[in-house]
Amino acid sequence: MAKLVFGMNVSLDGYVDHTEFAPSPILFRHFVQEAKDQTGSLYGRKVYELMRYWDEDQATWSDDERAFAAAFRKQTKWVASRTLERVGARADDRAACIQSALPLAYLALVLVFFVLWTRGIFV
């Protein structure tokens, strides 16, 4: 049976900003290994659009960044969005757009529980 893992980058005050997050090299290597071990990822539209950065190689990338990009590209991606009609611009993309309201409601529920947990309401 597969294991479902929920993960999110968050600061100690509960603020999430994926555009300003710059992990240390050690933490980034951890993310590379996590990405290699994942079968797929479920994204909302905004985070999916941010992650599309990894679709095209950049000349300035380090070896770790190239390894992360390779792991990201091999994953199946499920994108919950009411506005995107299709996802995955590359021919080898393994992506699907979920436009049903159910996945969006699920994501909202997960977010609510996460916020409550970070504020100490759930242990």
C-alpha atoms as a PDB file:
ATOM      1  CA  MET A   1       0.000   0.000   0.000  1.00  0.00           C
ATOM      2  CA  ALA A   2       1.282   3.457  -0.842  1.00  0.00           C
ATOM      3  CA  LYS A   3       2.010   6.035   1.816  1.00  0.00           C
ATOM      4  CA  LEU A   4       0.526   9.531   1.605  1.00  0.00           C
ATOM      5  CA  VAL A   5       2.845  12.220   2.963  1.00  0.00           C
ATOM      6  CA  PHE A   6       1.858  15.852   3.485  1.00  0.00           C
ATOM      7  CA  GLY A   7       4.647  18.394   3.379  1.00  0.00           C
ATOM      8  CA  MET A   8       4.940  22.149   3.321  1.00  0.00           C
ATOM      9  CA  ASN A   9       7.651  24.776   3.715  1.00  0.00           C
ATOM     10  CA  VAL A  10       6.721  27.043   6.574  1.00  0.00           C
ATOM     11  CA  SER A  11       8.512  29.382   8.947  1.00  0.00           C
ATOM     12  CA  LEU A  12       8.076  29.221  12.704  1.00  0.00           C
ATOM     13  CA  ASP A  13       5.453  31.970  12.606  1.00  0.00           C
ATOM     14  CA  GLY A  14       3.349  29.970  10.133  1.00  0.00           C
ATOM     15  CA  TYR A  15       4.048  32.206   7.141  1.00  0.00           C
ATOM     16  CA  VAL A  16       4.549  30.479   3.810  1.00  0.00           C
ATOM     17  CA  ASP A  17       6.253  32.237   0.901  1.00  0.00           C
ATOM     18  CA  HIS A  18       7.597  29.875  -1.735  1.00  0.00           C
ATOM     19  CA  THR A  19       9.043  32.772  -3.731  1.00  0.00           C
ATOM     20  CA  GLU A  20      11.405  33.817  -0.925  1.00  0.00           C
ATOM     21  CA  PHE A  21      12.454  30.425   0.392  1.00  0.00           C
ATOM     22  CA  ALA A  22      16.152  29.624  -0.073  1.00  0.00           C
ATOM     23  CA  PRO A  23      17.218  26.482   1.802  1.00  0.00           C
ATOM     24  CA  SER A  24      20.762  25.784   2.905  1.00  0.00           C
ATOM     25  CA  PRO A  25      22.705  23.288   0.754  1.00  0.00           C
ATOM     26  CA  ILE A  26      22.169  20.542   3.351  1.00  0.00           C
ATOM     27  CA  LEU A  27      18.420  21.161   3.504  1.00  0.00           C
ATOM     28  CA  PHE A  28      18.213  21.354  -0.284  1.00  0.00           C
ATOM     29  CA  ARG A  29      19.896  17.934  -0.583  1.00  0.00           C
ATOM     30  CA  HIS A  30      17.217  16.656   1.809  1.00  0.00           C
ATOM     31  CA  PHE A  31      14.560  18.036  -0.572  1.00  0.00           C
ATOM     32  CA  VAL A  32      16.313  16.360  -3.502  1.00  0.00           C
ATOM     33  CA  GLN A  33      16.135  12.989  -1.740  1.00  0.00           C
ATOM     34  CA  GLU A  34      12.502  13.577  -0.774  1.00  0.00           C
ATOM     35  CA  ALA A  35      11.648  14.377  -4.397  1.00  0.00           C
ATOM     36  CA  LYS A  36      13.449  11.246  -5.602  1.00  0.00           C
ATOM     37  CA  ASP A  37      11.430   9.106  -3.190  1.00  0.00           C
ATOM     38  CA  GLN A  38       8.035  10.532  -4.180  1.00  0.00           C
ATOM     39  CA  THR A  39       5.806   8.963  -6.784  1.00  0.00           C
ATOM     40  CA  GLY A  40       3.905  12.163  -7.369  1.00  0.00           C
ATOM     41  CA  SER A  41       2.752  15.464  -5.960  1.00  0.00           C
ATOM     42  CA  LEU A  42      -0.584  17.211  -5.564  1.00  0.00           C
ATOM     43  CA  TYR A  43      -0.398  20.953  -6.174  1.00  0.00           C
ATOM     44  CA  GLY A  44      -2.725  23.887  -6.218  1.00  0.00           C
ATOM     45  CA  ARG A  45      -2.427  26.130  -9.268  1.00  0.00           C
ATOM     46  CA  LYS A  46      -0.166  28.782  -7.741  1.00  0.00           C
ATOM     47  CA  VAL A  47       2.430  26.400  -6.328  1.00  0.00           C
ATOM     48  CA  TYR A  48       2.339  24.338  -9.529  1.00  0.00           C
ATOM     49  CA  GLU A  49       3.073  27.477 -11.536  1.00  0.00           C
ATOM     50  CA  LEU A  50       5.987  28.287  -9.204  1.00  0.00           C
ATOM     51  CA  MET A  51       7.339  24.751  -9.522  1.00  0.00           C
ATOM     52  CA  ARG A  52       7.293  24.979 -13.325  1.00  0.00           C
ATOM     53  CA  TYR A  53      10.605  26.790 -12.819  1.00  0.00           C
ATOM     54  CA  TRP A  54      12.155  23.309 -12.660  1.00  0.00           C
ATOM     55  CA  ASP A  55      10.872  22.313 -16.109  1.00  0.00           C
ATOM     56  CA  GLU A  56      13.706  23.914 -18.069  1.00  0.00           C
ATOM     57  CA  ASP A  57      17.399  23.591 -17.219  1.00  0.00           C
ATOM     58  CA  GLN A  58      19.230  26.756 -16.229  1.00  0.00           C
ATOM     59  CA  ALA A  59      22.938  27.205 -16.995  1.00  0.00           C
ATOM     60  CA  THR A  60      23.557  28.595 -13.504  1.00  0.00           C
ATOM     61  CA  TRP A  61      22.169  25.584 -11.621  1.00  0.00           C
ATOM     62  CA  SER A  62      24.306  23.561  -9.240  1.00  0.00           C
ATOM     63  CA  ASP A  63      24.482  19.765  -9.404  1.00  0.00           C
ATOM     64  CA  ASP A  64      21.931  19.586  -6.574  1.00  0.00           C
ATOM     65  CA  GLU A  65      19.527  21.839  -8.456  1.00  0.00           C
ATOM     66  CA  ARG A  66      19.870  19.661 -11.554  1.00  0.00           C
ATOM     67  CA  ALA A  67      19.196  16.574  -9.430  1.00  0.00           C
ATOM     68  CA  PHE A  68      16.074  18.179  -7.960  1.00  0.00           C
ATOM     69  CA  ALA A  69      14.835  19.189 -11.406  1.00  0.00           C
ATOM     70  CA  ALA A  70      15.312  15.636 -12.689  1.00  0.00           C
ATOM     71  CA  ALA A  71      13.398  14.207  -9.721  1.00  0.00           C
ATOM     72  CA  PHE A  72      10.634  16.803 -10.106  1.00  0.00           C
ATOM     73  CA  ARG A  73      10.242  16.068 -13.809  1.00  0.00           C
ATOM     74  CA  LYS A  74       9.857  12.322 -13.310  1.00  0.00           C
ATOM     75  CA  GLN A  75       7.026  12.706 -10.806  1.00  0.00           C
ATOM     76  CA  THR A  76       3.386  12.528 -11.681  1.00  0.00           C
ATOM     77  CA  LYS A  77       1.777  15.852 -10.834  1.00  0.00           C
ATOM     78  CA  TRP A  78      -1.873  16.318  -9.973  1.00  0.00           C
ATOM     79  CA  VAL A  79      -2.919  19.952 -10.108  1.00  0.00           C
ATOM     80  CA  ALA A  80      -6.148  21.077  -8.464  1.00  0.00           C
ATOM     81  CA  SER A  81      -7.363  24.139 -10.328  1.00  0.00           C
ATOM     82  CA  ARG A  82     -10.618  25.595 -11.527  1.00  0.00           C
ATOM     83  CA  THR A  83      -8.851  27.881 -14.000  1.00  0.00           C
ATOM     84  CA  LEU A  84      -6.189  25.726 -15.667  1.00  0.00           C
ATOM     85  CA  GLU A  85      -7.493  23.631 -18.518  1.00  0.00           C
ATOM     86  CA  ARG A  86      -4.312  21.626 -18.999  1.00  0.00           C
ATOM     87  CA  VAL A  87      -0.991  21.166 -17.284  1.00  0.00           C
ATOM     88  CA  GLY A  88       2.396  19.962 -18.427  1.00  0.00           C
ATOM     89  CA  ALA A  89       4.032  21.707 -21.362  1.00  0.00           C
ATOM     90  CA  ARG A  90       6.721  19.077 -21.932  1.00  0.00           C
ATOM     91  CA  ALA A  91       6.067  16.012 -24.070  1.00  0.00           C
ATOM     92  CA  ASP A  92       7.253  13.749 -21.247  1.00  0.00           C
ATOM     93  CA  ASP A  93       5.194  15.462 -18.529  1.00  0.00           C
ATOM     94  CA  ARG A  94       3.216  13.194 -16.288  1.00  0.00           C
ATOM     95  CA  ALA A  95       0.598  15.671 -15.154  1.00  0.00           C
ATOM     96  CA  ALA A  96      -3.141  15.818 -14.785  1.00  0.00           C
ATOM     97  CA  CYS A  97      -5.424  18.733 -14.054  1.00  0.00           C
ATOM     98  CA  ILE A  98      -8.145  18.039 -11.498  1.00  0.00           C
ATOM     99  CA  GLN A  99     -10.977  20.502 -11.962  1.00  0.00           C
ATOM    100  CA  SER A 100     -13.515  18.960  -9.631  1.00  0.00           C
ATOM    101  CA  ALA A 101     -14.512  20.920  -6.544  1.00  0.00           C
ATOM    102  CA  LEU A 102     -13.767  17.888  -4.336  1.00  0.00           C
ATOM    103  CA  PRO A 103      -9.933  18.109  -4.526  1.00  0.00           C
ATOM    104  CA  LEU A 104     -10.114  21.846  -3.904  1.00  0.00           C
ATOM    105  CA  ALA A 105     -12.268  21.253  -0.840  1.00  0.00           C
ATOM    106  CA  TYR A 106      -9.798  18.603   0.339  1.00  0.00           C
ATOM    107  CA  LEU A 107      -6.873  21.007  -0.057  1.00  0.00           C
ATOM    108  CA  ALA A 108      -8.763  23.666   1.874  1.00  0.00           C
ATOM    109  CA  LEU A 109      -9.502  21.195   4.669  1.00  0.00           C
ATOM    110  CA  VAL A 110      -5.845  20.140   4.883  1.00  0.00           C
ATOM    111  CA  LEU A 111      -4.816  23.786   5.042  1.00  0.00           C
ATOM    112  CA  VAL A 112      -7.294  24.529   7.842  1.00  0.00           C
ATOM    113  CA  PHE A 113      -6.005  21.598   9.908  1.00  0.00           C
ATOM    114  CA  PHE A 114      -2.414  22.652   9.253  1.00  0.00           C
ATOM    115  CA  VAL A 115      -3.063  26.218  10.400  1.00  0.00           C
ATOM    116  CA  LEU A 116      -4.840  24.969  13.521  1.00  0.00           C
ATOM    117  CA  TRP A 117      -1.994  22.548  14.240  1.00  0.00           C
ATOM    118  CA  THR A 118       0.667  25.270  13.892  1.00  0.00           C
ATOM    119  CA  ARG A 119      -1.267  27.375  16.383  1.00  0.00           C
ATOM    120  CA  GLY A 120      -1.317  24.549  18.925  1.00  0.00           C
ATOM    121  CA  ILE A 121      -5.009  23.730  18.652  1.00  0.00           C
ATOM    122  CA  PHE A 122      -4.300  20.138  17.547  1.00  0.00           C
ATOM    123  CA  VAL A 123      -1.468  18.076  18.953  1.00  0.00           C
END
